[in-house]
Amino acid sequence: MSAPPEGSCTADGPLALDRQLCFLLYAASRQVTSLYGPLLKRLDITYPQYLVLLALWEVHPTTLSVGELGTRLCLDSGTLTPLLKRMEVAGLLQRQRDPADERRVMVGLSPKGLSLKEEARRVPEVLLCTAHDKGIDNLDILHREIGQFLKKLKSVSIGGQ
């Protein structure tokens, strides 16, 4: 058997795990999300619930449709709807049919969900301080570049998808 062609599936080839941008983004996302865990536990919310609350805090006192919220959070309704139902049961938000269009469900903050905003203000601050304490610099540049990267990715289509 001959050696694989140059640049193939060798340890330094194109299929090496550590060369995959998707893996690095996935691993970094999981690590960052895990850092939120202890901070959000104090608020008695999960990371996905935190993201929903962030989106709703931005627009309060207005509401968002489930579709608008899904677009904002890059989540489909099959993922978002059960999350919103759990948050409603927990008293964090309110859902109601749009009187102008019964097909649309509108989502807004409950008093409890709104009250968490002040407590949540410290979450990003603690994470930034922790990052800087660990020597992680240039987070503003990284944030801007990842935002631009995501925007460009949203316009990419491969294989007719």
Protein backbone atom coordinates (compact mmCIF):
# COMPACT_ATOMS: atom_id res chain seq x y z
CA MET A 1 0.00 0.00 0.00
CA SER A 2 1.39 3.42 -0.94
CA ALA A 3 1.44 6.52 1.20
CA PRO A 4 -1.58 8.83 0.99
CA PRO A 5 -1.25 11.75 -1.41
CA GLU A 6 0.18 15.01 -0.08
CA GLY A 7 -2.38 17.10 1.82
CA SER A 8 -4.79 14.22 2.38
CA CYS A 9 -6.07 12.79 5.66
CA THR A 10 -2.74 12.81 7.48
CA ALA A 11 -2.34 14.45 10.87
CA ASP A 12 -1.59 17.74 9.14
CA GLY A 13 -3.95 17.18 6.19
CA PRO A 14 -7.23 18.99 5.44
CA LEU A 15 -9.29 16.64 7.64
CA ALA A 16 -7.19 17.07 10.78
CA LEU A 17 -9.56 18.02 13.59
CA ASP A 18 -7.47 20.95 14.81
CA ARG A 19 -7.46 22.47 11.30
CA GLN A 20 -11.25 22.64 11.18
CA LEU A 21 -12.62 26.12 11.72
CA CYS A 22 -15.99 24.58 12.57
CA PHE A 23 -14.42 22.60 15.41
CA LEU A 24 -12.55 25.58 16.84
CA LEU A 25 -15.71 27.71 16.77
CA TYR A 26 -17.74 24.86 18.31
CA ALA A 27 -15.18 24.23 21.08
CA ALA A 28 -14.79 27.95 21.82
CA SER A 29 -18.57 28.38 21.93
CA ARG A 30 -18.95 25.48 24.36
CA GLN A 31 -16.19 26.84 26.58
CA VAL A 32 -17.63 30.35 26.67
CA THR A 33 -21.13 28.97 27.32
CA SER A 34 -19.79 26.90 30.23
CA LEU A 35 -18.30 30.04 31.77
CA TYR A 36 -21.77 31.59 31.81
CA GLY A 37 -23.19 28.63 33.75
CA PRO A 38 -22.30 29.65 37.32
CA LEU A 39 -23.26 33.28 36.70
CA LEU A 40 -26.63 32.39 35.21
CA LYS A 41 -27.32 29.78 37.88
CA ARG A 42 -27.49 32.66 40.38
CA LEU A 43 -30.28 34.13 38.23
CA ASP A 44 -31.94 30.71 37.96
CA ILE A 45 -31.82 30.75 34.15
CA THR A 46 -30.04 28.74 31.48
CA TYR A 47 -27.83 30.12 28.73
CA PRO A 48 -30.53 29.80 26.02
CA GLN A 49 -32.99 31.56 28.36
CA TYR A 50 -30.41 34.31 28.88
CA LEU A 51 -30.19 34.83 25.10
CA VAL A 52 -33.99 35.10 24.83
CA LEU A 53 -34.04 37.59 27.69
CA LEU A 54 -31.26 39.66 26.10
CA ALA A 55 -33.29 39.95 22.89
CA LEU A 56 -36.45 40.88 24.79
CA TRP A 57 -34.67 43.39 27.05
CA GLU A 58 -33.45 45.17 23.90
CA VAL A 59 -36.96 45.80 22.60
CA HIS A 60 -38.89 46.21 25.86
CA PRO A 61 -41.59 47.49 26.24
CA THR A 62 -42.48 46.23 22.77
CA THR A 63 -42.75 42.54 21.91
CA LEU A 64 -41.28 40.25 19.26
CA SER A 65 -43.02 37.56 17.28
CA VAL A 66 -41.68 34.04 17.66
CA GLY A 67 -40.41 34.34 14.08
CA GLU A 68 -38.59 37.61 14.79
CA LEU A 69 -37.09 36.15 17.94
CA GLY A 70 -35.98 33.04 16.04
CA THR A 71 -34.31 35.16 13.38
CA ARG A 72 -32.61 37.29 16.01
CA LEU A 73 -31.31 34.22 17.88
CA CYS A 74 -30.62 32.07 14.78
CA LEU A 75 -33.04 29.43 16.08
CA ASP A 76 -35.85 27.62 14.29
CA SER A 77 -39.34 27.56 15.80
CA GLY A 78 -39.01 23.85 16.65
CA THR A 79 -36.17 24.70 19.02
CA LEU A 80 -37.48 28.04 20.19
CA THR A 81 -41.11 27.15 21.00
CA PRO A 82 -40.38 24.60 23.76
CA LEU A 83 -37.83 27.00 25.25
CA LEU A 84 -40.40 29.80 25.29
CA LYS A 85 -43.03 27.51 26.84
CA ARG A 86 -40.64 26.62 29.68
CA MET A 87 -39.80 30.29 30.19
CA GLU A 88 -43.48 31.18 30.32
CA VAL A 89 -44.12 28.47 32.95
CA ALA A 90 -41.17 29.89 34.93
CA GLY A 91 -42.81 33.31 34.79
CA LEU A 92 -40.07 34.96 32.73
CA LEU A 93 -42.15 35.97 29.73
CA GLN A 94 -45.64 36.13 28.31
CA ARG A 95 -46.84 34.77 24.98
CA GLN A 96 -50.04 35.78 23.25
CA ARG A 97 -51.58 35.64 19.80
CA ASP A 98 -51.23 38.78 17.72
CA PRO A 99 -54.74 40.31 17.55
CA ALA A 100 -53.97 41.57 14.03
CA ASP A 101 -52.85 38.12 12.83
CA GLU A 102 -53.88 35.07 14.87
CA ARG A 103 -51.12 32.99 13.23
CA ARG A 104 -48.40 35.03 14.94
CA VAL A 105 -47.45 34.54 18.56
CA MET A 106 -46.00 37.59 20.27
CA VAL A 107 -43.48 37.31 23.10
CA GLY A 108 -42.85 39.91 25.77
CA LEU A 109 -41.27 40.17 29.16
CA SER A 110 -43.15 39.44 32.35
CA PRO A 111 -42.40 41.57 35.42
CA LYS A 112 -40.14 38.75 36.68
CA GLY A 113 -38.25 38.61 33.37
CA LEU A 114 -37.81 42.36 33.37
CA SER A 115 -36.62 42.36 36.99
CA LEU A 116 -33.70 40.05 36.09
CA LYS A 117 -32.22 42.69 33.80
CA GLU A 118 -30.49 44.60 36.59
CA GLU A 119 -29.03 41.44 38.11
CA ALA A 120 -27.86 40.27 34.67
CA ARG A 121 -25.91 43.48 34.01
CA ARG A 122 -22.93 42.06 35.86
CA VAL A 123 -22.72 38.89 33.75
CA PRO A 124 -20.86 40.38 30.74
CA GLU A 125 -18.70 42.48 33.05
CA VAL A 126 -17.58 39.46 35.08
CA LEU A 127 -16.79 37.50 31.92
CA LEU A 128 -14.78 40.36 30.41
CA CYS A 129 -12.81 40.86 33.62
CA THR A 130 -12.13 37.12 33.80
CA ALA A 131 -10.94 37.09 30.17
CA HIS A 132 -8.63 40.05 30.74
CA ASP A 133 -7.30 38.51 33.96
CA LYS A 134 -6.36 35.43 31.92
CA GLY A 135 -4.54 37.57 29.34
CA ILE A 136 -7.23 37.37 26.67
CA ASP A 137 -6.87 40.69 24.90
CA ASN A 138 -8.48 42.25 21.84
CA LEU A 139 -11.97 40.93 22.57
CA ASP A 140 -13.51 43.94 20.82
CA ILE A 141 -11.61 43.09 17.63
CA LEU A 142 -12.54 39.41 17.91
CA HIS A 143 -16.21 40.32 18.48
CA ARG A 144 -16.26 42.59 15.42
CA GLU A 145 -14.52 40.03 13.19
CA ILE A 146 -16.77 37.14 14.26
CA GLY A 147 -19.81 39.37 13.68
CA GLN A 148 -18.61 40.16 10.16
CA PHE A 149 -17.82 36.49 9.56
CA LEU A 150 -21.31 35.43 10.68
CA LYS A 151 -22.94 38.06 8.48
CA LYS A 152 -21.04 36.76 5.45
CA LEU A 153 -21.80 33.13 6.31
CA LYS A 154 -25.52 33.88 6.36
CA SER A 155 -25.28 34.75 2.66
CA VAL A 156 -23.41 31.55 1.71
CA SER A 157 -25.18 28.62 0.14
CA ILE A 158 -23.55 25.25 -0.56
CA GLY A 159 -25.29 22.52 -2.49
CA GLY A 160 -28.59 24.34 -2.91
CA GLN A 161 -29.30 24.74 0.82
